[in-house]
Amino acid sequence: MKKETAAGNRITEGSIAGQLLLFFFPILFGTFFQQLYNTTDAVIVGNFVGKEALASVGGPAATIINLLVGFFVGLSSGATVIISQHYGSGNDKKVSEAVHTATALAIAGGTVIMVLGIAVARFALTAMQTPADILELSLTYMRIYFCGLIPSMLYNMGSGILRAVGDSRRPLYFLIASCIINIVLDLFFVVTLKLGVAGVGIATVLSQTFSAAMTVFALMRTSESYRLSLRKIRFYKNHLLNIVRIGLPSGLQSAMYSVSNLLVQSSVNSFGTDTVAAWTAYSKVDSMFWMIMGAYGISITTFAGQNYGAGKYDRIKKSVRICLCMAAATSVLLSVIVLNFGNTILLLFTQDAHVIEISMDIMRVIIPAYITYICIEILSGACRGCGDAFVPMMLTCFGVCVLRITWVLAAVPLRRDISTVAFSYPLTWTVTSILFILYYLKGKWLQHDSITTAPESHG
């Protein structure tokens, strides 16, 4: 057996905690460097251009970008699940067909989102009541960002394919390199050429193109079943249907998160530019938590997918328990660190005392409740890995989206304060986590037909 194949198959064998951590840390560091794209943009424009530029790259524009891009990334997670299950069952032919279907989907999806994003940018920003002093800056950043959507989608899909077969290291290496390129280009375009918001947008697109090229090259040069051949890129109907069946609920779930966040952002926008800048600065600090939880979620999805394909169901349940404990410990530690050093961290993004004060008010409401979110990420990830994406989507729709929207529309007008807006997060996390725990304990997420036939030796 070749080295790459052995590395991927270890997920179905050996120490669960050890394998989760070995898989988790490269994903964590990779997500960290991916977050650095926008964080670097925010740091540089916040310090070298001003708070209006900071609000324009991280406020309404980022929310709209997350809505459209997040939907596709959620949809593409179906490809990761399909490939990991086929890989776990040892079906090389189906792995290859799924890889080429996923790549075709990345190209088609990137094209559609690019055109849609550019077309609706101004309308969406206006509908969100974006403050007039940042509207044009936000529009510039969005249009440039959307021009680079195809490389971004190719990287996301390609790295998902590599993780599906147990390779979480190479996506990390590609991101480290592209992040360094992004930082250098940000400084060159913004500090040297004085291009402002346009400069960080161009830097982001160029660096994402580099990471996409490296990922595609890695897939093309491997000799394993997941090798990418340009002439084979097309839609294989059965795989496309399975990807959509599993990925569409995840994409809709991501979109619903973003829709509810759009309403939250609109409410934040109504408080003025200082509050928008404060929310942006807080969200950059908050992204550390989402980065870590996202890494846990990807890890448990791939872990569950390969073990489901191999027929090792008890191993899935044990991995869920271990992952929950890891996530709980991480969330508590992170809450303590951010609450104690938040003022210092915020200085990275702005020197404005009023903006920092507002950011700290937001943090004190949301950050102590981090631990209430972990069940949503881990349990939904395990369900998706086993091919069950519809019920998690429905639970998220009600528990997070409907309840959050109801809170913002009903409670915020009664007590018009940024802390009231912020409380929508702890409230909805707690309710949704309870729903996920009840569903998980019933066990129905593990009682459906697999897309693979597990080898008898694993039974």
Protein backbone atom coordinates (compact mmCIF):
# COMPACT_ATOMS: atom_id res chain seq x y z
CA MET A 1 0.00 0.00 0.00
CA LYS A 2 1.29 3.47 -0.85
CA LYS A 3 2.10 5.98 1.78
CA GLU A 4 -0.71 8.45 0.98
CA THR A 5 -3.35 5.73 1.10
CA ALA A 6 -2.08 4.43 4.41
CA ALA A 7 -2.15 7.93 5.86
CA GLY A 8 -5.77 8.37 4.88
CA ASN A 9 -6.95 4.97 6.10
CA ARG A 10 -5.51 5.49 9.58
CA ILE A 11 -8.67 7.46 10.40
CA THR A 12 -10.52 4.12 10.60
CA GLU A 13 -7.92 2.57 12.91
CA GLY A 14 -5.92 3.24 16.08
CA SER A 15 -6.37 5.78 18.87
CA ILE A 16 -9.44 7.94 18.27
CA ALA A 17 -8.19 10.91 20.29
CA GLY A 18 -4.77 10.71 18.70
CA GLN A 19 -6.13 10.49 15.15
CA LEU A 20 -8.60 13.32 15.76
CA LEU A 21 -5.82 15.58 17.01
CA LEU A 22 -3.47 14.65 14.17
CA PHE A 23 -6.23 15.51 11.72
CA PHE A 24 -7.53 18.51 13.68
CA PHE A 25 -4.36 20.57 14.06
CA PRO A 26 -3.49 20.90 10.36
CA ILE A 27 -7.13 21.89 9.71
CA LEU A 28 -6.99 24.36 12.61
CA PHE A 29 -3.80 25.98 11.40
CA GLY A 30 -5.14 25.97 7.84
CA THR A 31 -8.35 27.69 8.95
CA PHE A 32 -6.25 30.13 10.96
CA PHE A 33 -4.31 31.18 7.89
CA GLN A 34 -7.51 31.35 5.86
CA GLN A 35 -8.95 33.71 8.47
CA LEU A 36 -5.79 35.79 8.18
CA TYR A 37 -6.86 36.86 4.70
CA ASN A 38 -9.66 39.06 6.01
CA THR A 39 -7.99 39.76 9.36
CA THR A 40 -4.89 41.10 7.63
CA ASP A 41 -7.11 43.24 5.42
CA ALA A 42 -8.84 44.63 8.52
CA VAL A 43 -5.60 45.29 10.42
CA ILE A 44 -3.94 47.10 7.55
CA VAL A 45 -6.88 49.25 6.42
CA GLY A 46 -7.87 49.94 10.05
CA ASN A 47 -4.41 51.29 10.85
CA PHE A 48 -3.32 52.83 7.54
CA VAL A 49 -6.61 54.04 6.03
CA GLY A 50 -9.19 54.54 8.82
CA LYS A 51 -12.25 53.21 10.59
CA GLU A 52 -14.47 53.75 7.53
CA ALA A 53 -12.22 51.40 5.53
CA LEU A 54 -12.24 48.92 8.43
CA ALA A 55 -16.04 48.93 8.48
CA SER A 56 -16.21 48.55 4.68
CA VAL A 57 -14.12 45.35 4.47
CA GLY A 58 -15.55 43.65 7.55
CA GLY A 59 -19.10 44.90 8.03
CA PRO A 60 -21.98 44.61 5.55
CA ALA A 61 -19.68 43.54 2.69
CA ALA A 62 -18.30 40.59 4.65
CA THR A 63 -21.80 39.52 5.67
CA ILE A 64 -23.03 39.44 2.07
CA ILE A 65 -19.88 37.64 0.90
CA ASN A 66 -20.35 35.05 3.64
CA LEU A 67 -23.94 34.48 2.54
CA LEU A 68 -23.08 33.63 -1.07
CA VAL A 69 -19.73 31.93 -0.53
CA GLY A 70 -20.96 30.11 2.58
CA PHE A 71 -23.81 28.56 0.62
CA PHE A 72 -21.42 27.05 -1.90
CA VAL A 73 -18.94 25.89 0.73
CA GLY A 74 -21.82 24.17 2.52
CA LEU A 75 -22.93 22.59 -0.75
CA SER A 76 -19.39 21.41 -1.46
CA SER A 77 -19.22 19.71 1.94
CA GLY A 78 -21.45 17.08 0.35
CA ALA A 79 -18.52 16.20 -1.92
CA THR A 80 -16.23 15.76 1.09
CA VAL A 81 -18.71 13.38 2.70
CA ILE A 82 -19.24 11.36 -0.51
CA ILE A 83 -15.51 11.07 -1.22
CA SER A 84 -14.65 10.15 2.39
CA GLN A 85 -17.30 7.41 2.46
CA HIS A 86 -16.15 5.92 -0.86
CA TYR A 87 -12.52 6.21 0.25
CA GLY A 88 -13.32 4.47 3.54
CA SER A 89 -15.03 1.62 1.66
CA GLY A 90 -12.10 1.29 -0.75
CA ASN A 91 -14.03 2.04 -3.98
CA ASP A 92 -11.37 3.75 -6.15
CA LYS A 93 -13.61 4.18 -9.21
CA LYS A 94 -16.29 6.04 -7.29
CA VAL A 95 -13.67 8.17 -5.54
CA SER A 96 -12.32 9.29 -8.94
CA GLU A 97 -15.77 10.04 -10.36
CA ALA A 98 -16.74 12.02 -7.26
CA VAL A 99 -13.51 14.05 -7.39
CA HIS A 100 -14.11 15.11 -11.00
CA THR A 101 -17.77 15.89 -10.31
CA ALA A 102 -16.75 18.02 -7.33
CA THR A 103 -14.22 19.96 -9.42
CA ALA A 104 -16.80 20.63 -12.13
CA LEU A 105 -19.17 21.87 -9.43
CA ALA A 106 -16.49 24.24 -8.09
CA ILE A 107 -15.96 25.81 -11.51
CA ALA A 108 -19.68 26.12 -12.26
CA GLY A 109 -20.55 27.33 -8.77
CA GLY A 110 -17.73 29.87 -8.72
CA THR A 111 -18.91 31.32 -12.03
CA VAL A 112 -22.53 31.65 -10.90
CA ILE A 113 -21.66 33.23 -7.55
CA MET A 114 -19.18 35.64 -9.18
CA VAL A 115 -21.81 36.97 -11.59
CA LEU A 116 -24.54 37.06 -8.93
CA GLY A 117 -22.33 38.76 -6.35
CA ILE A 118 -21.22 41.52 -8.69
CA ALA A 119 -24.79 42.08 -9.93
CA VAL A 120 -26.51 42.35 -6.53
CA ALA A 121 -23.75 44.10 -4.55
CA ARG A 122 -25.15 47.64 -4.55
CA PHE A 123 -28.75 46.54 -4.01
CA ALA A 124 -27.77 44.29 -1.09
CA LEU A 125 -25.65 46.96 0.61
CA THR A 126 -28.43 49.53 0.26
CA ALA A 127 -31.05 47.10 1.55
CA MET A 128 -28.90 46.53 4.66
CA GLN A 129 -28.93 50.25 5.45
CA THR A 130 -25.16 50.48 5.02
CA PRO A 131 -23.98 53.90 6.29
CA ALA A 132 -23.44 56.34 3.42
CA ASP A 133 -19.80 57.02 4.34
CA ILE A 134 -18.80 53.37 3.75
CA LEU A 135 -21.22 52.37 0.97
CA GLU A 136 -18.93 53.01 -2.01
CA LEU A 137 -15.90 51.53 -0.24
CA SER A 138 -17.85 48.38 0.59
CA LEU A 139 -19.07 48.13 -3.00
CA THR A 140 -15.51 48.39 -4.35
CA TYR A 141 -14.25 45.68 -2.02
CA MET A 142 -17.14 43.31 -2.82
CA ARG A 143 -16.83 43.61 -6.59
CA ILE A 144 -13.09 42.94 -6.54
CA TYR A 145 -13.53 40.02 -4.14
CA PHE A 146 -16.21 38.39 -6.29
CA CYS A 147 -13.94 38.61 -9.36
CA GLY A 148 -11.75 36.00 -7.67
CA LEU A 149 -14.54 33.55 -6.79
CA ILE A 150 -13.57 30.72 -9.17
CA PRO A 151 -10.05 30.29 -7.66
CA SER A 152 -11.56 30.56 -4.19
CA MET A 153 -14.09 27.81 -4.92
CA LEU A 154 -11.42 25.60 -6.49
CA TYR A 155 -9.26 25.92 -3.40
CA ASN A 156 -12.15 25.18 -1.05
CA MET A 157 -13.24 22.15 -3.06
CA GLY A 158 -9.70 20.90 -3.63
CA SER A 159 -8.74 21.15 0.02
CA GLY A 160 -12.01 19.39 0.92
CA ILE A 161 -11.06 16.52 -1.39
CA LEU A 162 -7.63 16.21 0.23
CA ARG A 163 -9.14 16.24 3.72
CA ALA A 164 -11.71 13.62 2.69
CA VAL A 165 -8.88 11.16 2.06
CA GLY A 166 -7.12 12.04 5.32
CA ASP A 167 -4.63 14.63 4.01
CA SER A 168 -5.06 17.77 6.08
CA ARG A 169 -1.43 18.88 5.83
CA ARG A 170 -0.98 19.99 2.24
CA PRO A 171 -3.97 22.41 2.33
CA LEU A 172 -2.24 23.93 5.37
CA TYR A 173 1.07 24.38 3.55
CA PHE A 174 -0.65 26.01 0.58
CA LEU A 175 -2.52 28.41 2.84
CA ILE A 176 0.59 29.41 4.78
CA ALA A 177 2.32 30.33 1.54
CA SER A 178 -0.67 32.20 0.12
CA CYS A 179 -1.26 34.04 3.41
CA ILE A 180 2.32 35.32 3.40
CA ILE A 181 1.77 36.47 -0.18
CA ASN A 182 -1.46 38.21 0.89
CA ILE A 183 0.27 40.12 3.69
CA VAL A 184 3.09 41.28 1.43
CA LEU A 185 0.66 42.35 -1.31
CA ASP A 186 -1.62 44.10 1.23
CA LEU A 187 1.29 46.20 2.45
CA PHE A 188 2.45 46.91 -1.10
CA PHE A 189 -0.96 47.91 -2.49
CA VAL A 190 -2.19 49.81 0.58
CA VAL A 191 0.91 51.34 2.18
CA THR A 192 3.10 51.84 -0.90
CA LEU A 193 0.60 52.35 -3.75
CA LYS A 194 -2.12 53.92 -1.54
CA LEU A 195 -4.93 51.90 -3.18
CA GLY A 196 -6.91 51.60 0.07
CA VAL A 197 -9.81 49.14 0.12
CA ALA A 198 -9.23 48.24 -3.55
CA GLY A 199 -5.68 47.23 -2.68
CA VAL A 200 -6.68 44.67 -0.04
CA GLY A 201 -9.30 43.26 -2.41
CA ILE A 202 -6.75 42.77 -5.20
CA ALA A 203 -4.25 41.22 -2.77
CA THR A 204 -6.84 38.75 -1.54
CA VAL A 205 -7.81 37.66 -5.05
CA LEU A 206 -4.19 37.15 -6.14
CA SER A 207 -3.24 35.17 -3.05
CA GLN A 208 -6.34 32.96 -3.30
CA THR A 209 -5.48 32.27 -6.93
CA PHE A 210 -2.07 31.04 -5.80
CA SER A 211 -3.55 28.66 -3.20
CA ALA A 212 -6.03 27.32 -5.77
CA ALA A 213 -3.24 26.65 -8.29
CA MET A 214 -1.19 24.76 -5.71
CA THR A 215 -4.18 22.64 -4.64
CA VAL A 216 -5.12 21.70 -8.20
CA PHE A 217 -1.48 20.87 -8.96
CA ALA A 218 -1.32 18.57 -5.91
CA LEU A 219 -4.44 16.71 -7.05
CA MET A 220 -3.12 16.35 -10.60
CA ARG A 221 0.26 14.92 -9.64
CA THR A 222 -0.85 12.24 -7.15
CA SER A 223 -1.02 8.60 -8.29
CA GLU A 224 -3.84 7.73 -5.88
CA SER A 225 -7.54 7.22 -6.61
CA TYR A 226 -8.33 10.91 -6.04
CA ARG A 227 -6.02 12.06 -8.87
CA LEU A 228 -7.46 14.95 -10.91
CA SER A 229 -7.35 14.79 -14.71
CA LEU A 230 -8.49 17.90 -16.57
CA ARG A 231 -10.03 15.91 -19.41
CA LYS A 232 -12.19 13.94 -16.97
CA ILE A 233 -13.74 16.98 -15.29
CA ARG A 234 -17.48 16.67 -15.77
CA PHE A 235 -20.66 15.91 -13.87
CA TYR A 236 -21.31 12.24 -13.09
CA LYS A 237 -25.03 12.21 -12.48
CA ASN A 238 -25.22 9.81 -9.50
CA HIS A 239 -22.38 11.55 -7.67
CA LEU A 240 -23.81 15.00 -8.39
CA LEU A 241 -27.18 13.93 -6.99
CA ASN A 242 -25.54 12.52 -3.85
CA ILE A 243 -23.42 15.64 -3.40
CA VAL A 244 -26.52 17.83 -3.72
CA ARG A 245 -28.56 15.53 -1.44
CA ILE A 246 -26.02 15.88 1.35
CA GLY A 247 -24.52 19.26 0.53
CA LEU A 248 -27.66 21.27 -0.29
CA PRO A 249 -29.05 21.10 3.28
CA SER A 250 -25.61 22.17 4.55
CA GLY A 251 -25.51 24.99 2.02
CA LEU A 252 -29.01 26.11 2.99
CA GLN A 253 -28.03 25.88 6.64
CA SER A 254 -25.05 28.15 6.00
CA ALA A 255 -27.24 30.51 3.99
CA MET A 256 -29.80 30.65 6.80
CA TYR A 257 -27.05 31.51 9.25
CA SER A 258 -25.99 34.29 6.92
CA VAL A 259 -29.55 35.55 6.37
CA SER A 260 -30.08 35.84 10.11
CA ASN A 261 -26.70 37.53 10.38
CA LEU A 262 -27.71 39.92 7.59
CA LEU A 263 -30.62 41.03 9.72
CA VAL A 264 -28.32 41.36 12.73
CA GLN A 265 -25.86 43.38 10.63
CA SER A 266 -28.67 45.62 9.41
CA SER A 267 -29.63 46.25 13.02
CA VAL A 268 -25.98 46.99 13.86
CA ASN A 269 -25.73 49.36 10.88
CA SER A 270 -28.56 51.46 12.29
CA PHE A 271 -26.35 52.37 15.27
CA GLY A 272 -23.83 54.21 13.03
CA THR A 273 -20.28 53.83 11.73
CA ASP A 274 -18.58 53.53 15.15
CA THR A 275 -20.78 50.57 16.06
CA VAL A 276 -20.25 48.96 12.64
CA ALA A 277 -16.49 49.34 13.09
CA ALA A 278 -16.77 47.94 16.65
CA TRP A 279 -18.80 44.94 15.45
CA THR A 280 -16.21 44.37 12.70
CA ALA A 281 -13.31 44.49 15.18
CA TYR A 282 -15.16 42.15 17.57
CA SER A 283 -15.92 39.75 14.73
CA LYS A 284 -12.23 39.50 13.86
CA VAL A 285 -11.46 38.48 17.44
CA ASP A 286 -14.50 36.22 17.48
CA SER A 287 -13.27 34.53 14.29
CA MET A 288 -10.70 32.67 16.39
CA PHE A 289 -13.52 30.74 18.05
CA TRP A 290 -15.26 29.98 14.75
CA MET A 291 -11.96 28.92 13.27
CA ILE A 292 -11.37 26.36 16.03
CA MET A 293 -14.95 25.08 16.09
CA GLY A 294 -14.95 24.83 12.30
CA ALA A 295 -11.78 22.71 12.47
CA TYR A 296 -13.46 20.40 14.97
CA GLY A 297 -16.52 20.22 12.72
CA ILE A 298 -14.51 19.34 9.60
CA SER A 299 -12.50 16.77 11.57
CA ILE A 300 -15.54 14.95 12.95
CA THR A 301 -17.32 15.05 9.57
CA THR A 302 -14.40 13.40 7.77
CA PHE A 303 -13.76 11.02 10.68
CA ALA A 304 -17.42 9.96 10.73
CA GLY A 305 -17.56 9.70 6.93
CA GLN A 306 -14.62 7.34 6.56
CA ASN A 307 -15.68 5.19 9.52
CA TYR A 308 -19.26 5.09 8.22
CA GLY A 309 -17.98 3.88 4.87
CA ALA A 310 -15.94 1.25 6.72
CA GLY A 311 -18.94 0.19 8.82
CA LYS A 312 -17.33 1.15 12.15
CA TYR A 313 -20.32 2.77 13.89
CA ASP A 314 -19.16 2.41 17.51
CA ARG A 315 -15.99 4.24 16.56
CA ILE A 316 -18.09 7.15 15.28
CA LYS A 317 -19.94 7.50 18.59
CA LYS A 318 -16.73 7.36 20.61
CA SER A 319 -15.17 10.02 18.39
CA VAL A 320 -18.17 12.30 18.96
CA ARG A 321 -17.78 12.07 22.74
CA ILE A 322 -14.06 12.75 22.57
CA CYS A 323 -14.50 15.67 20.15
CA LEU A 324 -17.17 17.24 22.39
CA CYS A 325 -14.81 17.14 25.36
CA MET A 326 -12.02 18.73 23.32
CA ALA A 327 -14.33 21.45 22.01
CA ALA A 328 -15.70 22.21 25.49
CA ALA A 329 -12.22 22.61 26.97
CA THR A 330 -11.14 24.81 24.08
CA SER A 331 -14.20 27.06 24.31
CA VAL A 332 -13.74 27.67 28.04
CA LEU A 333 -10.03 28.44 27.62
CA LEU A 334 -10.68 30.80 24.74
CA SER A 335 -13.44 32.62 26.65
CA VAL A 336 -11.09 33.27 29.56
CA ILE A 337 -8.29 34.55 27.31
CA VAL A 338 -10.45 36.89 25.21
CA LEU A 339 -12.39 38.35 28.15
CA ASN A 340 -9.15 39.14 29.99
CA PHE A 341 -7.11 40.44 27.08
CA GLY A 342 -9.81 41.73 24.73
CA ASN A 343 -8.82 45.40 25.06
CA THR A 344 -5.26 44.65 24.05
CA ILE A 345 -6.27 42.42 21.12
CA LEU A 346 -8.67 45.07 19.78
CA LEU A 347 -5.78 47.56 19.50
CA LEU A 348 -4.63 45.52 16.51
CA PHE A 349 -7.64 46.77 14.57
CA THR A 350 -8.29 50.27 15.84
CA GLN A 351 -6.96 52.92 18.21
CA ASP A 352 -10.38 54.56 18.57
CA ALA A 353 -11.32 54.37 22.28
CA HIS A 354 -15.06 54.59 21.64
CA VAL A 355 -14.96 51.77 19.08
CA ILE A 356 -12.99 49.58 21.52
CA GLU A 357 -15.48 50.31 24.30
CA ILE A 358 -18.41 49.21 22.15
CA SER A 359 -16.53 46.07 21.07
CA MET A 360 -15.91 45.10 24.68
CA ASP A 361 -19.62 45.53 25.49
CA ILE A 362 -20.42 43.09 22.68
CA MET A 363 -17.77 40.62 23.87
CA ARG A 364 -19.06 40.53 27.44
CA VAL A 365 -22.46 39.37 26.20
CA ILE A 366 -21.40 36.77 23.62
CA ILE A 367 -18.06 35.27 24.60
CA PRO A 368 -19.03 33.70 27.99
CA ALA A 369 -21.63 31.67 26.04
CA TYR A 370 -19.16 30.04 23.64
CA ILE A 371 -19.57 26.65 25.29
CA THR A 372 -23.30 26.62 24.45
CA TYR A 373 -22.44 26.40 20.73
CA ILE A 374 -20.21 23.30 20.63
CA CYS A 375 -22.98 20.69 20.35
CA ILE A 376 -24.30 22.37 17.21
CA GLU A 377 -20.95 22.09 15.42
CA ILE A 378 -19.87 18.63 16.59
CA LEU A 379 -23.20 16.81 16.44
CA SER A 380 -24.23 18.28 13.09
CA GLY A 381 -20.78 17.43 11.71
CA ALA A 382 -21.13 13.80 12.78
CA CYS A 383 -24.60 13.58 11.26
CA ARG A 384 -23.39 15.02 7.93
CA GLY A 385 -20.46 12.61 7.86
CA CYS A 386 -22.97 9.75 8.02
CA GLY A 387 -25.06 11.27 5.22
CA ASP A 388 -27.76 12.82 7.39
CA ALA A 389 -27.88 16.53 6.52
CA PHE A 390 -31.60 17.34 6.32
CA VAL A 391 -32.57 17.17 10.01
CA PRO A 392 -29.52 19.18 11.16
CA MET A 393 -30.54 21.83 8.64
CA MET A 394 -34.09 21.94 10.04
CA LEU A 395 -32.88 22.14 13.63
CA THR A 396 -30.55 24.98 12.73
CA CYS A 397 -33.27 26.73 10.74
CA PHE A 398 -35.60 26.83 13.70
CA GLY A 399 -33.19 27.06 16.62
CA VAL A 400 -30.77 29.60 15.19
CA CYS A 401 -32.32 31.41 12.26
CA VAL A 402 -36.03 31.73 13.09
CA LEU A 403 -35.41 32.42 16.76
CA ARG A 404 -32.62 34.92 16.06
CA ILE A 405 -34.70 36.82 13.52
CA THR A 406 -37.66 36.83 15.92
CA TRP A 407 -35.47 38.20 18.71
CA VAL A 408 -34.00 41.00 16.58
CA LEU A 409 -37.42 42.05 15.25
CA ALA A 410 -39.26 41.78 18.58
CA ALA A 411 -36.77 42.51 21.37
CA VAL A 412 -34.37 45.06 19.88
CA PRO A 413 -37.06 47.73 19.26
CA LEU A 414 -38.13 47.39 22.91
CA ARG A 415 -34.59 47.83 24.24
CA ARG A 416 -32.56 49.57 21.56
CA ASP A 417 -29.02 48.72 22.60
CA ILE A 418 -26.15 46.81 20.96
CA SER A 419 -26.09 44.35 23.88
CA THR A 420 -29.69 43.37 23.04
CA VAL A 421 -28.62 42.58 19.49
CA ALA A 422 -25.63 40.60 20.76
CA PHE A 423 -27.76 38.51 23.14
CA SER A 424 -29.43 36.88 20.12
CA TYR A 425 -26.34 34.67 19.80
CA PRO A 426 -26.19 33.04 23.27
CA LEU A 427 -29.97 32.61 23.23
CA THR A 428 -30.12 30.81 19.90
CA TRP A 429 -27.00 28.71 20.54
CA THR A 430 -28.46 27.35 23.77
CA VAL A 431 -31.84 26.45 22.27
CA THR A 432 -30.32 24.83 19.17
CA SER A 433 -27.79 22.81 21.19
CA ILE A 434 -30.60 21.32 23.25
CA LEU A 435 -32.42 20.31 20.06
CA PHE A 436 -29.28 18.68 18.65
CA ILE A 437 -28.61 16.75 21.86
CA LEU A 438 -32.13 15.33 21.86
CA TYR A 439 -31.89 14.32 18.19
CA TYR A 440 -28.45 12.75 18.63
CA LEU A 441 -29.54 10.69 21.64
CA LYS A 442 -32.47 9.24 19.67
CA GLY A 443 -29.94 7.79 17.22
CA LYS A 444 -31.97 8.27 14.03
CA TRP A 445 -29.03 10.05 12.37
CA LEU A 446 -27.28 6.66 12.12
CA GLN A 447 -30.31 4.79 10.78
CA HIS A 448 -30.39 5.51 7.05
CA ASP A 449 -29.03 3.98 3.86
CA SER A 450 -25.38 4.61 3.04
CA ILE A 451 -24.19 5.65 -0.41
CA THR A 452 -21.52 3.00 -0.10
CA THR A 453 -21.45 -0.66 0.65
CA ALA A 454 -19.08 -1.26 3.51
CA PRO A 455 -16.68 -4.19 3.15
CA GLU A 456 -17.82 -7.30 5.06
CA SER A 457 -14.52 -7.46 6.93
CA HIS A 458 -15.46 -4.23 8.70
CA GLY A 459 -18.89 -5.43 9.79
